[in-house]
């Protein structure tokens, strides 16, 4: 069963730490994680780093993941940082 994680409108350094704590609890017993990025309007490098840490952690635990409906700004940020392959957004 997939666990849906709805990413917030603002994924910036101001929200990253508290958001990470929330997400960790949601994926604790997940078999597969779907990140819904449709609402993201603002993202900075810290926000992308947060997502990268989550994706890497899930991979290490053998938990599948994918991004559903990533917003244009999220796509541009990930690609601009050269991380599209890490997020399977290439």
C-alpha atoms as a PDB file:
ATOM      1  CA  UNK A   1       0.000   0.000   0.000  1.00  0.00           C
ATOM      2  CA  UNK A   2       1.336   3.445  -0.959  1.00  0.00           C
ATOM      3  CA  UNK A   3       1.697   6.295   1.482  1.00  0.00           C
ATOM      4  CA  UNK A   4       0.825   9.647  -0.081  1.00  0.00           C
ATOM      5  CA  UNK A   5       2.905  12.636   1.017  1.00  0.00           C
ATOM      6  CA  UNK A   6       1.426  15.943  -0.116  1.00  0.00           C
ATOM      7  CA  UNK A   7       4.280  18.398  -0.373  1.00  0.00           C
ATOM      8  CA  UNK A   8       3.475  21.907   0.931  1.00  0.00           C
ATOM      9  CA  UNK A   9       3.155  25.124  -1.070  1.00  0.00           C
ATOM     10  CA  UNK A  10       6.357  26.458   0.477  1.00  0.00           C
ATOM     11  CA  UNK A  11       9.252  24.057   0.733  1.00  0.00           C
ATOM     12  CA  UNK A  12      11.957  26.396   1.988  1.00  0.00           C
ATOM     13  CA  UNK A  13      14.560  26.507   4.737  1.00  0.00           C
ATOM     14  CA  UNK A  14      11.994  28.096   7.059  1.00  0.00           C
ATOM     15  CA  UNK A  15       9.800  24.991   6.928  1.00  0.00           C
ATOM     16  CA  UNK A  16      12.247  22.198   6.108  1.00  0.00           C
ATOM     17  CA  UNK A  17      13.119  21.000   9.616  1.00  0.00           C
ATOM     18  CA  UNK A  18       9.565  20.806  10.956  1.00  0.00           C
ATOM     19  CA  UNK A  19       8.334  19.269   7.711  1.00  0.00           C
ATOM     20  CA  UNK A  20      10.968  16.539   7.823  1.00  0.00           C
ATOM     21  CA  UNK A  21       9.804  15.497  11.296  1.00  0.00           C
ATOM     22  CA  UNK A  22       6.188  15.222  10.070  1.00  0.00           C
ATOM     23  CA  UNK A  23       7.144  13.148   7.041  1.00  0.00           C
ATOM     24  CA  UNK A  24       9.351  10.759   9.017  1.00  0.00           C
ATOM     25  CA  UNK A  25       6.320   9.715  11.055  1.00  0.00           C
ATOM     26  CA  UNK A  26       4.180   9.230   7.937  1.00  0.00           C
ATOM     27  CA  UNK A  27       6.660   6.913   6.213  1.00  0.00           C
ATOM     28  CA  UNK A  28       7.620   4.901   9.288  1.00  0.00           C
ATOM     29  CA  UNK A  29       5.802   1.748   8.130  1.00  0.00           C
ATOM     30  CA  UNK A  30       5.382   2.568   4.441  1.00  0.00           C
ATOM     31  CA  UNK A  31       5.922   0.045   1.684  1.00  0.00           C
ATOM     32  CA  UNK A  32       5.911   2.659  -1.058  1.00  0.00           C
ATOM     33  CA  UNK A  33       5.820   6.467  -0.942  1.00  0.00           C
ATOM     34  CA  UNK A  34       4.213   8.797  -3.459  1.00  0.00           C
ATOM     35  CA  UNK A  35       5.222  12.451  -3.222  1.00  0.00           C
ATOM     36  CA  UNK A  36       2.547  14.792  -4.611  1.00  0.00           C
ATOM     37  CA  UNK A  37       4.346  17.982  -5.621  1.00  0.00           C
ATOM     38  CA  UNK A  38       1.488  19.753  -7.399  1.00  0.00           C
ATOM     39  CA  UNK A  39       1.036  22.421  -4.699  1.00  0.00           C
ATOM     40  CA  UNK A  40       4.653  23.575  -4.512  1.00  0.00           C
ATOM     41  CA  UNK A  41       4.915  27.254  -5.423  1.00  0.00           C
ATOM     42  CA  UNK A  42       8.152  28.129  -3.630  1.00  0.00           C
ATOM     43  CA  UNK A  43      11.184  25.910  -3.172  1.00  0.00           C
ATOM     44  CA  UNK A  44      14.771  26.707  -2.321  1.00  0.00           C
ATOM     45  CA  UNK A  45      17.946  24.657  -2.201  1.00  0.00           C
ATOM     46  CA  UNK A  46      17.252  23.616   1.408  1.00  0.00           C
ATOM     47  CA  UNK A  47      13.839  22.316   0.332  1.00  0.00           C
ATOM     48  CA  UNK A  48      15.392  20.262  -2.465  1.00  0.00           C
ATOM     49  CA  UNK A  49      18.005  18.976  -0.009  1.00  0.00           C
ATOM     50  CA  UNK A  50      15.215  17.904   2.319  1.00  0.00           C
ATOM     51  CA  UNK A  51      13.580  15.923  -0.472  1.00  0.00           C
ATOM     52  CA  UNK A  52      16.917  14.409  -1.460  1.00  0.00           C
ATOM     53  CA  UNK A  53      17.555  13.243   2.123  1.00  0.00           C
ATOM     54  CA  UNK A  54      14.091  11.673   2.230  1.00  0.00           C
ATOM     55  CA  UNK A  55      14.556   9.928  -1.125  1.00  0.00           C
ATOM     56  CA  UNK A  56      18.009   8.602  -0.183  1.00  0.00           C
ATOM     57  CA  UNK A  57      16.727   7.413   3.210  1.00  0.00           C
ATOM     58  CA  UNK A  58      13.797   5.611   1.601  1.00  0.00           C
ATOM     59  CA  UNK A  59      16.127   3.942  -0.886  1.00  0.00           C
ATOM     60  CA  UNK A  60      18.449   2.756   1.886  1.00  0.00           C
ATOM     61  CA  UNK A  61      15.459   1.219   3.667  1.00  0.00           C
ATOM     62  CA  UNK A  62      14.269  -0.494   0.493  1.00  0.00           C
ATOM     63  CA  UNK A  63      11.108   1.626   0.315  1.00  0.00           C
ATOM     64  CA  UNK A  64       9.967   2.522  -3.197  1.00  0.00           C
ATOM     65  CA  UNK A  65       9.107   6.113  -4.032  1.00  0.00           C
ATOM     66  CA  UNK A  66       7.973   8.291  -6.890  1.00  0.00           C
ATOM     67  CA  UNK A  67       6.915  11.868  -7.568  1.00  0.00           C
ATOM     68  CA  UNK A  68       3.411  12.531  -8.796  1.00  0.00           C
ATOM     69  CA  UNK A  69       2.481  15.815 -10.466  1.00  0.00           C
ATOM     70  CA  UNK A  70       5.635  17.760  -9.583  1.00  0.00           C
ATOM     71  CA  UNK A  71       5.043  21.484 -10.031  1.00  0.00           C
ATOM     72  CA  UNK A  72       6.969  23.385 -12.672  1.00  0.00           C
ATOM     73  CA  UNK A  73       9.017  25.219 -10.036  1.00  0.00           C
ATOM     74  CA  UNK A  74       9.994  21.939  -8.358  1.00  0.00           C
ATOM     75  CA  UNK A  75      11.049  20.440 -11.687  1.00  0.00           C
ATOM     76  CA  UNK A  76      13.089  23.535 -12.576  1.00  0.00           C
ATOM     77  CA  UNK A  77      14.795  23.573  -9.173  1.00  0.00           C
ATOM     78  CA  UNK A  78      15.700  19.894  -9.252  1.00  0.00           C
ATOM     79  CA  UNK A  79      16.953  20.103 -12.825  1.00  0.00           C
ATOM     80  CA  UNK A  80      18.825  23.357 -12.163  1.00  0.00           C
ATOM     81  CA  UNK A  81      20.722  21.675  -9.341  1.00  0.00           C
ATOM     82  CA  UNK A  82      21.556  18.692 -11.562  1.00  0.00           C
ATOM     83  CA  UNK A  83      19.570  16.269  -9.378  1.00  0.00           C
ATOM     84  CA  UNK A  84      16.893  15.097 -11.815  1.00  0.00           C
ATOM     85  CA  UNK A  85      18.321  11.565 -11.966  1.00  0.00           C
ATOM     86  CA  UNK A  86      18.359  11.329  -8.144  1.00  0.00           C
ATOM     87  CA  UNK A  87      14.647  12.107  -8.131  1.00  0.00           C
ATOM     88  CA  UNK A  88      13.818   9.972 -11.180  1.00  0.00           C
ATOM     89  CA  UNK A  89      12.642  13.148 -12.919  1.00  0.00           C
ATOM     90  CA  UNK A  90      15.061  12.988 -15.840  1.00  0.00           C
END
